[in-house]
Structures are given as C-alpha cells and as structure tokens.
C-alpha cells in the first residue's frame, strides 16, 4: 500500500457521489469501520474511513454501500490519511435484508 495518492491511472472517470454512507468489512464478514464514498466508478472508489479503525485494514476487503445494499470485493491501492483508493476486484452484488441487517445492525448506519 502506498503512502500517498499516485498519479491518475484510472481506466475510467469517477463521479462524485454526494457522500454516500458505507462500511468496510473483512472478507470473513467482520465490521472494520464506517466510511463515506466520495467518488465512485464501475471499477473503483475513493472513500474516507471514519475512526475508530481498531485494527490494521487488510489489503483486500469489502465495501458495503448502505443505500443500495451492495457489496464490492475491493483492494486498497492507495491511502492518504483517512482517504483510501479502492479498486473493485469483481462486480458488486446486492445483499439480502438479513445480510444488510447483520452488517449495519449493530453499528451506526444511515438508511434511506
């Protein structure tokens, strides 16, 4: 993981998202931290993680977008302070209500 934002090497442009709420989750489904999706494209996102991040973030994780109830398998490709650049490793997929409640239920969540 790099310490600062690398030169723009994106395959496509990202668009602003109006600060959409999200969560970072391990591949095993454990909550890591709340976040905000600042920019997003089909292949990645720029997010801002919220404290407290109680563990070192793994390189591979899931971004759960609360409004759409979508999970994206992702890899951290850069970090600068609380902002992270993620590349999606697979297309996002919808989660069912049970999974949504499991991820968001015990933690702060903004719902639509």
PDB file of N, CA and C in Angstrom:
ATOM      1  N   UNK A   1       0.847  -1.171   0.000  1.00  0.00           N
ATOM      2  CA  UNK A   1       0.000   0.000   0.000  1.00  0.00           C
ATOM      3  C   UNK A   1       0.888   1.229   0.000  1.00  0.00           C
ATOM      4  N   UNK A   2       0.591   2.212  -0.822  1.00  0.00           N
ATOM      5  CA  UNK A   2       1.392   3.413  -0.937  1.00  0.00           C
ATOM      6  C   UNK A   2       0.947   4.450   0.078  1.00  0.00           C
ATOM      7  N   UNK A   3       1.831   5.353   0.443  1.00  0.00           N
ATOM      8  CA  UNK A   3       1.547   6.354   1.456  1.00  0.00           C
ATOM      9  C   UNK A   3       0.749   7.541   0.936  1.00  0.00           C
ATOM     10  N   UNK A   4       0.781   7.795  -0.337  1.00  0.00           N
ATOM     11  CA  UNK A   4       0.044   8.944  -0.858  1.00  0.00           C
ATOM     12  C   UNK A   4      -0.587   8.608  -2.203  1.00  0.00           C
ATOM     13  N   UNK A   5      -1.477   9.481  -2.646  1.00  0.00           N
ATOM     14  CA  UNK A   5      -2.198   9.260  -3.879  1.00  0.00           C
ATOM     15  C   UNK A   5      -1.247   9.202  -5.070  1.00  0.00           C
ATOM     16  N   UNK A   6      -1.293   8.103  -5.841  1.00  0.00           N
ATOM     17  CA  UNK A   6      -0.419   8.014  -7.014  1.00  0.00           C
ATOM     18  C   UNK A   6      -0.992   8.839  -8.163  1.00  0.00           C
ATOM     19  N   UNK A   7      -0.227   9.028  -9.243  1.00  0.00           N
ATOM     20  CA  UNK A   7      -0.769   9.724 -10.416  1.00  0.00           C
ATOM     21  C   UNK A   7      -2.026   9.007 -10.914  1.00  0.00           C
ATOM     22  N   UNK A   8      -2.901   9.748 -11.535  1.00  0.00           N
ATOM     23  CA  UNK A   8      -4.167   9.188 -12.011  1.00  0.00           C
ATOM     24  C   UNK A   8      -3.925   8.150 -13.102  1.00  0.00           C
ATOM     25  N   UNK A   9      -4.203   6.874 -12.788  1.00  0.00           N
ATOM     26  CA  UNK A   9      -4.064   5.790 -13.759  1.00  0.00           C
ATOM     27  C   UNK A   9      -5.391   5.062 -13.944  1.00  0.00           C
ATOM     28  N   UNK A  10      -6.476   5.736 -13.650  1.00  0.00           N
ATOM     29  CA  UNK A  10      -7.793   5.106 -13.744  1.00  0.00           C
ATOM     30  C   UNK A  10      -8.138   4.777 -15.183  1.00  0.00           C
ATOM     31  N   UNK A  11      -8.853   3.672 -15.331  1.00  0.00           N
ATOM     32  CA  UNK A  11      -9.328   3.273 -16.660  1.00  0.00           C
ATOM     33  C   UNK A  11     -10.550   4.078 -17.078  1.00  0.00           C
ATOM     34  N   UNK A  12     -11.249   4.635 -16.107  1.00  0.00           N
ATOM     35  CA  UNK A  12     -12.452   5.428 -16.393  1.00  0.00           C
ATOM     36  C   UNK A  12     -12.589   6.500 -15.331  1.00  0.00           C
ATOM     37  N   UNK A  13     -13.336   7.536 -15.645  1.00  0.00           N
ATOM     38  CA  UNK A  13     -13.519   8.623 -14.697  1.00  0.00           C
ATOM     39  C   UNK A  13     -14.440   8.241 -13.558  1.00  0.00           C
ATOM     40  N   UNK A  14     -14.216   8.851 -12.426  1.00  0.00           N
ATOM     41  CA  UNK A  14     -15.109   8.651 -11.281  1.00  0.00           C
ATOM     42  C   UNK A  14     -16.029   9.843 -11.189  1.00  0.00           C
ATOM     43  N   UNK A  15     -17.161   9.620 -10.558  1.00  0.00           N
ATOM     44  CA  UNK A  15     -18.104  10.713 -10.373  1.00  0.00           C
ATOM     45  C   UNK A  15     -18.363  10.902  -8.888  1.00  0.00           C
ATOM     46  N   UNK A  16     -18.589  12.144  -8.503  1.00  0.00           N
ATOM     47  CA  UNK A  16     -18.896  12.464  -7.113  1.00  0.00           C
ATOM     48  C   UNK A  16     -20.174  11.758  -6.709  1.00  0.00           C
ATOM     49  N   UNK A  17     -20.279  11.380  -5.432  1.00  0.00           N
ATOM     50  CA  UNK A  17     -21.420  10.575  -5.001  1.00  0.00           C
ATOM     51  C   UNK A  17     -22.297  11.233  -3.949  1.00  0.00           C
ATOM     52  N   UNK A  18     -22.039  12.484  -3.609  1.00  0.00           N
ATOM     53  CA  UNK A  18     -22.795  13.169  -2.561  1.00  0.00           C
ATOM     54  C   UNK A  18     -22.609  12.488  -1.207  1.00  0.00           C
ATOM     55  N   UNK A  19     -21.404  12.016  -0.965  1.00  0.00           N
ATOM     56  CA  UNK A  19     -21.007  11.462   0.323  1.00  0.00           C
ATOM     57  C   UNK A  19     -21.948  10.356   0.799  1.00  0.00           C
ATOM     58  N   UNK A  20     -21.960   9.271   0.082  1.00  0.00           N
ATOM     59  CA  UNK A  20     -22.825   8.139   0.396  1.00  0.00           C
ATOM     60  C   UNK A  20     -22.239   7.310   1.527  1.00  0.00           C
ATOM     61  N   UNK A  21     -23.067   6.885   2.493  1.00  0.00           N
ATOM     62  CA  UNK A  21     -22.571   6.102   3.625  1.00  0.00           C
ATOM     63  C   UNK A  21     -22.190   4.686   3.223  1.00  0.00           C
ATOM     64  N   UNK A  22     -21.177   4.168   3.889  1.00  0.00           N
ATOM     65  CA  UNK A  22     -20.742   2.803   3.636  1.00  0.00           C
ATOM     66  C   UNK A  22     -20.047   2.214   4.847  1.00  0.00           C
ATOM     67  N   UNK A  23     -19.609   0.986   4.698  1.00  0.00           N
ATOM     68  CA  UNK A  23     -18.867   0.284   5.735  1.00  0.00           C
ATOM     69  C   UNK A  23     -17.790  -0.546   5.065  1.00  0.00           C
ATOM     70  N   UNK A  24     -16.673  -0.674   5.743  1.00  0.00           N
ATOM     71  CA  UNK A  24     -15.641  -1.596   5.308  1.00  0.00           C
ATOM     72  C   UNK A  24     -15.791  -2.858   6.144  1.00  0.00           C
ATOM     73  N   UNK A  25     -15.751  -4.000   5.457  1.00  0.00           N
ATOM     74  CA  UNK A  25     -15.997  -5.294   6.081  1.00  0.00           C
ATOM     75  C   UNK A  25     -14.911  -6.253   5.611  1.00  0.00           C
ATOM     76  N   UNK A  26     -14.447  -7.141   6.499  1.00  0.00           N
ATOM     77  CA  UNK A  26     -13.441  -8.125   6.102  1.00  0.00           C
ATOM     78  C   UNK A  26     -14.058  -9.139   5.151  1.00  0.00           C
ATOM     79  N   UNK A  27     -13.190  -9.921   4.509  1.00  0.00           N
ATOM     80  CA  UNK A  27     -13.689 -10.986   3.634  1.00  0.00           C
ATOM     81  C   UNK A  27     -14.493 -12.017   4.427  1.00  0.00           C
ATOM     82  N   UNK A  28     -14.231 -12.109   5.738  1.00  0.00           N
ATOM     83  CA  UNK A  28     -14.988 -13.012   6.600  1.00  0.00           C
ATOM     84  C   UNK A  28     -16.275 -12.406   7.125  1.00  0.00           C
ATOM     85  N   UNK A  29     -16.566 -11.143   6.742  1.00  0.00           N
ATOM     86  CA  UNK A  29     -17.815 -10.501   7.126  1.00  0.00           C
ATOM     87  C   UNK A  29     -17.758  -9.691   8.400  1.00  0.00           C
ATOM     88  N   UNK A  30     -16.567  -9.469   8.978  1.00  0.00           N
ATOM     89  CA  UNK A  30     -16.461  -8.689  10.205  1.00  0.00           C
ATOM     90  C   UNK A  30     -16.389  -7.201   9.896  1.00  0.00           C
ATOM     91  N   UNK A  31     -17.094  -6.408  10.692  1.00  0.00           N
ATOM     92  CA  UNK A  31     -17.106  -4.955  10.564  1.00  0.00           C
ATOM     93  C   UNK A  31     -15.722  -4.399  10.857  1.00  0.00           C
ATOM     94  N   UNK A  32     -15.234  -3.483   9.995  1.00  0.00           N
ATOM     95  CA  UNK A  32     -13.962  -2.801  10.232  1.00  0.00           C
ATOM     96  C   UNK A  32     -14.182  -1.350  10.647  1.00  0.00           C
ATOM     97  N   UNK A  33     -14.938  -0.596   9.830  1.00  0.00           N
ATOM     98  CA  UNK A  33     -15.214   0.803  10.167  1.00  0.00           C
ATOM     99  C   UNK A  33     -16.287   1.357   9.240  1.00  0.00           C
ATOM    100  N   UNK A  34     -16.894   2.454   9.681  1.00  0.00           N
ATOM    101  CA  UNK A  34     -17.808   3.215   8.833  1.00  0.00           C
ATOM    102  C   UNK A  34     -16.972   4.039   7.860  1.00  0.00           C
ATOM    103  N   UNK A  35     -17.564   4.385   6.735  1.00  0.00           N
ATOM    104  CA  UNK A  35     -16.873   5.223   5.758  1.00  0.00           C
ATOM    105  C   UNK A  35     -17.887   5.992   4.934  1.00  0.00           C
ATOM    106  N   UNK A  36     -17.373   6.907   4.141  1.00  0.00           N
ATOM    107  CA  UNK A  36     -18.169   7.659   3.182  1.00  0.00           C
ATOM    108  C   UNK A  36     -17.559   7.448   1.807  1.00  0.00           C
ATOM    109  N   UNK A  37     -18.404   7.175   0.825  1.00  0.00           N
ATOM    110  CA  UNK A  37     -17.942   7.035  -0.554  1.00  0.00           C
ATOM    111  C   UNK A  37     -17.948   8.432  -1.160  1.00  0.00           C
ATOM    112  N   UNK A  38     -16.757   8.921  -1.499  1.00  0.00           N
ATOM    113  CA  UNK A  38     -16.604  10.287  -2.015  1.00  0.00           C
ATOM    114  C   UNK A  38     -16.771  10.309  -3.526  1.00  0.00           C
ATOM    115  N   UNK A  39     -16.099   9.382  -4.207  1.00  0.00           N
ATOM    116  CA  UNK A  39     -16.199   9.234  -5.659  1.00  0.00           C
ATOM    117  C   UNK A  39     -16.289   7.752  -5.964  1.00  0.00           C
ATOM    118  N   UNK A  40     -16.942   7.443  -7.093  1.00  0.00           N
ATOM    119  CA  UNK A  40     -17.117   6.040  -7.442  1.00  0.00           C
ATOM    120  C   UNK A  40     -17.196   5.872  -8.947  1.00  0.00           C
ATOM    121  N   UNK A  41     -16.690   4.749  -9.432  1.00  0.00           N
ATOM    122  CA  UNK A  41     -16.856   4.346 -10.822  1.00  0.00           C
ATOM    123  C   UNK A  41     -17.191   2.864 -10.811  1.00  0.00           C
ATOM    124  N   UNK A  42     -17.346   2.278 -11.983  1.00  0.00           N
ATOM    125  CA  UNK A  42     -17.617   0.839 -12.034  1.00  0.00           C
ATOM    126  C   UNK A  42     -16.419   0.021 -11.577  1.00  0.00           C
ATOM    127  N   UNK A  43     -15.218   0.599 -11.654  1.00  0.00           N
ATOM    128  CA  UNK A  43     -14.022  -0.180 -11.317  1.00  0.00           C
ATOM    129  C   UNK A  43     -13.379   0.189  -9.991  1.00  0.00           C
ATOM    130  N   UNK A  44     -13.892   1.203  -9.274  1.00  0.00           N
ATOM    131  CA  UNK A  44     -13.283   1.556  -8.004  1.00  0.00           C
ATOM    132  C   UNK A  44     -13.955   2.720  -7.318  1.00  0.00           C
ATOM    133  N   UNK A  45     -13.361   3.128  -6.192  1.00  0.00           N
ATOM    134  CA  UNK A  45     -13.941   4.202  -5.393  1.00  0.00           C
ATOM    135  C   UNK A  45     -12.858   4.891  -4.574  1.00  0.00           C
ATOM    136  N   UNK A  46     -13.145   6.147  -4.221  1.00  0.00           N
ATOM    137  CA  UNK A  46     -12.349   6.863  -3.225  1.00  0.00           C
ATOM    138  C   UNK A  46     -13.246   7.022  -2.022  1.00  0.00           C
ATOM    139  N   UNK A  47     -12.762   6.577  -0.862  1.00  0.00           N
ATOM    140  CA  UNK A  47     -13.575   6.631   0.347  1.00  0.00           C
ATOM    141  C   UNK A  47     -12.834   7.366   1.451  1.00  0.00           C
ATOM    142  N   UNK A  48     -13.571   7.785   2.460  1.00  0.00           N
ATOM    143  CA  UNK A  48     -12.993   8.354   3.677  1.00  0.00           C
ATOM    144  C   UNK A  48     -13.446   7.467   4.833  1.00  0.00           C
ATOM    145  N   UNK A  49     -12.479   6.848   5.492  1.00  0.00           N
ATOM    146  CA  UNK A  49     -12.770   5.979   6.636  1.00  0.00           C
ATOM    147  C   UNK A  49     -12.967   6.837   7.879  1.00  0.00           C
ATOM    148  N   UNK A  50     -13.890   6.411   8.747  1.00  0.00           N
ATOM    149  CA  UNK A  50     -14.146   7.124   9.993  1.00  0.00           C
ATOM    150  C   UNK A  50     -13.544   6.368  11.156  1.00  0.00           C
ATOM    151  N   UNK A  51     -13.014   7.100  12.095  1.00  0.00           N
ATOM    152  CA  UNK A  51     -12.445   6.499  13.305  1.00  0.00           C
ATOM    153  C   UNK A  51     -13.589   5.962  14.158  1.00  0.00           C
ATOM    154  N   UNK A  52     -13.374   5.016  15.002  1.00  0.00           N
ATOM    155  CA  UNK A  52     -12.062   4.414  15.188  1.00  0.00           C
ATOM    156  C   UNK A  52     -11.892   3.185  14.301  1.00  0.00           C
ATOM    157  N   UNK A  53     -10.781   3.114  13.636  1.00  0.00           N
ATOM    158  CA  UNK A  53     -10.383   1.897  12.948  1.00  0.00           C
ATOM    159  C   UNK A  53      -9.533   1.156  13.972  1.00  0.00           C
ATOM    160  N   UNK A  54     -10.073   0.078  14.527  1.00  0.00           N
ATOM    161  CA  UNK A  54      -9.430  -0.575  15.663  1.00  0.00           C
ATOM    162  C   UNK A  54      -8.365  -1.581  15.254  1.00  0.00           C
ATOM    163  N   UNK A  55      -8.335  -1.949  13.994  1.00  0.00           N
ATOM    164  CA  UNK A  55      -7.322  -2.888  13.524  1.00  0.00           C
ATOM    165  C   UNK A  55      -6.712  -2.348  12.238  1.00  0.00           C
ATOM    166  N   UNK A  56      -5.548  -2.852  11.902  1.00  0.00           N
ATOM    167  CA  UNK A  56      -4.933  -2.516  10.629  1.00  0.00           C
ATOM    168  C   UNK A  56      -5.837  -3.033   9.519  1.00  0.00           C
ATOM    169  N   UNK A  57      -6.144  -2.184   8.559  1.00  0.00           N
ATOM    170  CA  UNK A  57      -7.041  -2.605   7.482  1.00  0.00           C
ATOM    171  C   UNK A  57      -6.335  -3.602   6.578  1.00  0.00           C
ATOM    172  N   UNK A  58      -7.007  -4.697   6.230  1.00  0.00           N
ATOM    173  CA  UNK A  58      -6.412  -5.644   5.292  1.00  0.00           C
ATOM    174  C   UNK A  58      -6.400  -5.042   3.889  1.00  0.00           C
ATOM    175  N   UNK A  59      -5.503  -5.512   3.059  1.00  0.00           N
ATOM    176  CA  UNK A  59      -5.420  -5.004   1.688  1.00  0.00           C
ATOM    177  C   UNK A  59      -6.686  -5.346   0.899  1.00  0.00           C
ATOM    178  N   UNK A  60      -7.205  -6.560   1.073  1.00  0.00           N
ATOM    179  CA  UNK A  60      -8.439  -6.988   0.412  1.00  0.00           C
ATOM    180  C   UNK A  60      -9.578  -6.978   1.425  1.00  0.00           C
ATOM    181  N   UNK A  61     -10.711  -6.414   1.021  1.00  0.00           N
ATOM    182  CA  UNK A  61     -11.863  -6.296   1.907  1.00  0.00           C
ATOM    183  C   UNK A  61     -13.115  -6.105   1.072  1.00  0.00           C
ATOM    184  N   UNK A  62     -14.221  -5.821   1.712  1.00  0.00           N
ATOM    185  CA  UNK A  62     -15.468  -5.496   1.027  1.00  0.00           C
ATOM    186  C   UNK A  62     -15.884  -4.085   1.392  1.00  0.00           C
ATOM    187  N   UNK A  63     -16.377  -3.350   0.399  1.00  0.00           N
ATOM    188  CA  UNK A  63     -17.039  -2.076   0.622  1.00  0.00           C
ATOM    189  C   UNK A  63     -18.529  -2.347   0.537  1.00  0.00           C
ATOM    190  N   UNK A  64     -19.244  -2.069   1.628  1.00  0.00           N
ATOM    191  CA  UNK A  64     -20.697  -2.213   1.663  1.00  0.00           C
ATOM    192  C   UNK A  64     -21.292  -0.829   1.511  1.00  0.00           C
ATOM    193  N   UNK A  65     -22.046  -0.612   0.428  1.00  0.00           N
ATOM    194  CA  UNK A  65     -22.733   0.657   0.204  1.00  0.00           C
ATOM    195  C   UNK A  65     -24.141   0.543   0.769  1.00  0.00           C
ATOM    196  N   UNK A  66     -24.400   1.329   1.813  1.00  0.00           N
ATOM    197  CA  UNK A  66     -25.643   1.181   2.561  1.00  0.00           C
ATOM    198  C   UNK A  66     -26.905   1.508   1.783  1.00  0.00           C
ATOM    199  N   UNK A  67     -26.903   2.550   0.987  1.00  0.00           N
ATOM    200  CA  UNK A  67     -28.131   2.974   0.311  1.00  0.00           C
ATOM    201  C   UNK A  67     -28.605   1.919  -0.686  1.00  0.00           C
ATOM    202  N   UNK A  68     -27.669   1.370  -1.488  1.00  0.00           N
ATOM    203  CA  UNK A  68     -28.058   0.354  -2.467  1.00  0.00           C
ATOM    204  C   UNK A  68     -28.030  -1.063  -1.910  1.00  0.00           C
ATOM    205  N   UNK A  69     -27.472  -1.243  -0.703  1.00  0.00           N
ATOM    206  CA  UNK A  69     -27.261  -2.576  -0.109  1.00  0.00           C
ATOM    207  C   UNK A  69     -26.431  -3.451  -1.040  1.00  0.00           C
ATOM    208  N   UNK A  70     -25.339  -2.880  -1.545  1.00  0.00           N
ATOM    209  CA  UNK A  70     -24.410  -3.576  -2.436  1.00  0.00           C
ATOM    210  C   UNK A  70     -23.077  -3.780  -1.735  1.00  0.00           C
ATOM    211  N   UNK A  71     -22.454  -4.916  -1.997  1.00  0.00           N
ATOM    212  CA  UNK A  71     -21.103  -5.187  -1.530  1.00  0.00           C
ATOM    213  C   UNK A  71     -20.186  -5.296  -2.747  1.00  0.00           C
ATOM    214  N   UNK A  72     -19.001  -4.715  -2.611  1.00  0.00           N
ATOM    215  CA  UNK A  72     -17.997  -4.772  -3.663  1.00  0.00           C
ATOM    216  C   UNK A  72     -16.735  -5.382  -3.060  1.00  0.00           C
ATOM    217  N   UNK A  73     -16.254  -6.463  -3.637  1.00  0.00           N
ATOM    218  CA  UNK A  73     -14.965  -7.006  -3.221  1.00  0.00           C
ATOM    219  C   UNK A  73     -13.913  -6.050  -3.757  1.00  0.00           C
ATOM    220  N   UNK A  74     -13.029  -5.566  -2.878  1.00  0.00           N
ATOM    221  CA  UNK A  74     -12.120  -4.490  -3.258  1.00  0.00           C
ATOM    222  C   UNK A  74     -10.727  -4.700  -2.670  1.00  0.00           C
ATOM    223  N   UNK A  75      -9.791  -3.966  -3.255  1.00  0.00           N
ATOM    224  CA  UNK A  75      -8.412  -3.944  -2.767  1.00  0.00           C
ATOM    225  C   UNK A  75      -8.017  -2.486  -2.569  1.00  0.00           C
ATOM    226  N   UNK A  76      -7.338  -2.200  -1.458  1.00  0.00           N
ATOM    227  CA  UNK A  76      -6.818  -0.861  -1.207  1.00  0.00           C
ATOM    228  C   UNK A  76      -5.586  -0.676  -2.084  1.00  0.00           C
ATOM    229  N   UNK A  77      -5.598   0.367  -2.922  1.00  0.00           N
ATOM    230  CA  UNK A  77      -4.463   0.608  -3.810  1.00  0.00           C
ATOM    231  C   UNK A  77      -3.662   1.846  -3.404  1.00  0.00           C
ATOM    232  N   UNK A  78      -4.244   2.715  -2.591  1.00  0.00           N
ATOM    233  CA  UNK A  78      -3.509   3.836  -2.033  1.00  0.00           C
ATOM    234  C   UNK A  78      -4.219   4.322  -0.786  1.00  0.00           C
ATOM    235  N   UNK A  79      -3.468   5.009   0.059  1.00  0.00           N
ATOM    236  CA  UNK A  79      -4.029   5.594   1.278  1.00  0.00           C
ATOM    237  C   UNK A  79      -3.335   6.915   1.543  1.00  0.00           C
ATOM    238  N   UNK A  80      -4.114   7.902   1.951  1.00  0.00           N
ATOM    239  CA  UNK A  80      -3.583   9.204   2.332  1.00  0.00           C
ATOM    240  C   UNK A  80      -4.419   9.698   3.497  1.00  0.00           C
ATOM    241  N   UNK A  81      -3.892   9.565   4.703  1.00  0.00           N
ATOM    242  CA  UNK A  81      -4.672   9.895   5.889  1.00  0.00           C
ATOM    243  C   UNK A  81      -5.864   8.965   5.986  1.00  0.00           C
ATOM    244  N   UNK A  82      -7.042   9.538   6.143  1.00  0.00           N
ATOM    245  CA  UNK A  82      -8.265   8.734   6.256  1.00  0.00           C
ATOM    246  C   UNK A  82      -8.862   8.372   4.904  1.00  0.00           C
ATOM    247  N   UNK A  83      -8.305   8.916   3.806  1.00  0.00           N
ATOM    248  CA  UNK A  83      -8.832   8.599   2.480  1.00  0.00           C
ATOM    249  C   UNK A  83      -8.121   7.398   1.887  1.00  0.00           C
ATOM    250  N   UNK A  84      -8.911   6.546   1.229  1.00  0.00           N
ATOM    251  CA  UNK A  84      -8.398   5.325   0.615  1.00  0.00           C
ATOM    252  C   UNK A  84      -8.883   5.238  -0.820  1.00  0.00           C
ATOM    253  N   UNK A  85      -8.033   4.725  -1.693  1.00  0.00           N
ATOM    254  CA  UNK A  85      -8.428   4.412  -3.057  1.00  0.00           C
ATOM    255  C   UNK A  85      -8.641   2.915  -3.158  1.00  0.00           C
ATOM    256  N   UNK A  86      -9.798   2.517  -3.644  1.00  0.00           N
ATOM    257  CA  UNK A  86     -10.129   1.106  -3.784  1.00  0.00           C
ATOM    258  C   UNK A  86     -10.311   0.754  -5.252  1.00  0.00           C
ATOM    259  N   UNK A  87      -9.852  -0.410  -5.637  1.00  0.00           N
ATOM    260  CA  UNK A  87     -10.168  -0.962  -6.949  1.00  0.00           C
ATOM    261  C   UNK A  87     -11.082  -2.155  -6.696  1.00  0.00           C
ATOM    262  N   UNK A  88     -12.165  -2.240  -7.450  1.00  0.00           N
ATOM    263  CA  UNK A  88     -13.094  -3.366  -7.295  1.00  0.00           C
ATOM    264  C   UNK A  88     -12.519  -4.583  -8.007  1.00  0.00           C
ATOM    265  N   UNK A  89     -12.523  -5.723  -7.320  1.00  0.00           N
ATOM    266  CA  UNK A  89     -11.964  -6.962  -7.849  1.00  0.00           C
ATOM    267  C   UNK A  89     -13.003  -7.801  -8.574  1.00  0.00           C
ATOM    268  N   UNK A  90     -14.270  -7.476  -8.370  1.00  0.00           N
ATOM    269  CA  UNK A  90     -15.378  -8.196  -9.000  1.00  0.00           C
ATOM    270  C   UNK A  90     -16.575  -7.249  -9.035  1.00  0.00           C
ATOM    271  N   UNK A  91     -17.544  -7.521  -9.897  1.00  0.00           N
ATOM    272  CA  UNK A  91     -18.747  -6.683  -9.899  1.00  0.00           C
ATOM    273  C   UNK A  91     -19.441  -6.723  -8.537  1.00  0.00           C
ATOM    274  N   UNK A  92     -20.024  -5.596  -8.147  1.00  0.00           N
ATOM    275  CA  UNK A  92     -20.771  -5.541  -6.894  1.00  0.00           C
ATOM    276  C   UNK A  92     -22.008  -6.417  -6.975  1.00  0.00           C
ATOM    277  N   UNK A  93     -22.507  -6.808  -5.805  1.00  0.00           N
ATOM    278  CA  UNK A  93     -23.706  -7.640  -5.769  1.00  0.00           C
ATOM    279  C   UNK A  93     -24.612  -7.203  -4.633  1.00  0.00           C
ATOM    280  N   UNK A  94     -25.902  -7.353  -4.856  1.00  0.00           N
ATOM    281  CA  UNK A  94     -26.899  -6.976  -3.851  1.00  0.00           C
ATOM    282  C   UNK A  94     -26.880  -7.980  -2.712  1.00  0.00           C
ATOM    283  N   UNK A  95     -27.070  -7.471  -1.502  1.00  0.00           N
ATOM    284  CA  UNK A  95     -27.186  -8.352  -0.346  1.00  0.00           C
ATOM    285  C   UNK A  95     -28.644  -8.381   0.094  1.00  0.00           C
ATOM    286  N   UNK A  96     -29.039  -9.481   0.690  1.00  0.00           N
ATOM    287  CA  UNK A  96     -30.424  -9.588   1.142  1.00  0.00           C
ATOM    288  C   UNK A  96     -30.601  -8.831   2.469  1.00  0.00           C
ATOM    289  N   UNK A  97     -31.849  -8.715   2.930  1.00  0.00           N
ATOM    290  CA  UNK A  97     -32.144  -7.954   4.143  1.00  0.00           C
ATOM    291  C   UNK A  97     -31.426  -8.513   5.360  1.00  0.00           C
ATOM    292  N   UNK A  98     -31.317  -9.818   5.462  1.00  0.00           N
ATOM    293  CA  UNK A  98     -30.643 -10.436   6.599  1.00  0.00           C
ATOM    294  C   UNK A  98     -29.165 -10.025   6.638  1.00  0.00           C
ATOM    295  N   UNK A  99     -28.499 -10.077   5.489  1.00  0.00           N
ATOM    296  CA  UNK A  99     -27.095  -9.676   5.418  1.00  0.00           C
ATOM    297  C   UNK A  99     -26.951  -8.181   5.685  1.00  0.00           C
ATOM    298  N   UNK A 100     -27.837  -7.379   5.146  1.00  0.00           N
ATOM    299  CA  UNK A 100     -27.792  -5.929   5.385  1.00  0.00           C
ATOM    300  C   UNK A 100     -27.917  -5.630   6.864  1.00  0.00           C
ATOM    301  N   UNK A 101     -28.871  -6.272   7.536  1.00  0.00           N
ATOM    302  CA  UNK A 101     -29.057  -6.043   8.966  1.00  0.00           C
ATOM    303  C   UNK A 101     -27.870  -6.544   9.779  1.00  0.00           C
ATOM    304  N   UNK A 102     -27.263  -7.632   9.349  1.00  0.00           N
ATOM    305  CA  UNK A 102     -26.104  -8.177  10.051  1.00  0.00           C
ATOM    306  C   UNK A 102     -24.930  -7.202   9.979  1.00  0.00           C
ATOM    307  N   UNK A 103     -24.713  -6.623   8.798  1.00  0.00           N
ATOM    308  CA  UNK A 103     -23.602  -5.688   8.630  1.00  0.00           C
ATOM    309  C   UNK A 103     -23.892  -4.375   9.345  1.00  0.00           C
ATOM    310  N   UNK A 104     -25.074  -3.834   9.165  1.00  0.00           N
ATOM    311  CA  UNK A 104     -25.378  -2.495   9.654  1.00  0.00           C
ATOM    312  C   UNK A 104     -26.073  -2.473  11.012  1.00  0.00           C
ATOM    313  N   UNK A 105     -26.647  -3.570  11.425  1.00  0.00           N
ATOM    314  CA  UNK A 105     -27.497  -3.576  12.608  1.00  0.00           C
ATOM    315  C   UNK A 105     -26.853  -3.148  13.902  1.00  0.00           C
ATOM    316  N   UNK A 106     -25.630  -3.601  14.170  1.00  0.00           N
ATOM    317  CA  UNK A 106     -25.012  -3.315  15.455  1.00  0.00           C
ATOM    318  C   UNK A 106     -24.214  -2.020  15.451  1.00  0.00           C
ATOM    319  N   UNK A 107     -24.121  -1.368  14.318  1.00  0.00           N
ATOM    320  CA  UNK A 107     -23.270  -0.197  14.186  1.00  0.00           C
ATOM    321  C   UNK A 107     -24.064   0.950  13.606  1.00  0.00           C
ATOM    322  N   UNK A 108     -23.524   2.137  13.767  1.00  0.00           N
ATOM    323  CA  UNK A 108     -24.167   3.327  13.205  1.00  0.00           C
ATOM    324  C   UNK A 108     -24.410   3.128  11.711  1.00  0.00           C
ATOM    325  N   UNK A 109     -25.606   3.446  11.263  1.00  0.00           N
ATOM    326  CA  UNK A 109     -25.918   3.312   9.846  1.00  0.00           C
ATOM    327  C   UNK A 109     -26.870   4.422   9.438  1.00  0.00           C
ATOM    328  N   UNK A 110     -26.673   4.938   8.270  1.00  0.00           N
ATOM    329  CA  UNK A 110     -27.588   5.897   7.673  1.00  0.00           C
ATOM    330  C   UNK A 110     -28.402   5.126   6.663  1.00  0.00           C
ATOM    331  N   UNK A 111     -29.701   5.147   6.799  1.00  0.00           N
ATOM    332  CA  UNK A 111     -30.519   4.399   5.844  1.00  0.00           C
ATOM    333  C   UNK A 111     -31.349   5.361   5.019  1.00  0.00           C
ATOM    334  N   UNK A 112     -31.857   4.828   3.903  1.00  0.00           N
ATOM    335  CA  UNK A 112     -32.651   5.675   3.015  1.00  0.00           C
ATOM    336  C   UNK A 112     -34.089   5.735   3.428  1.00  0.00           C
TER     337      UNK A 112
END
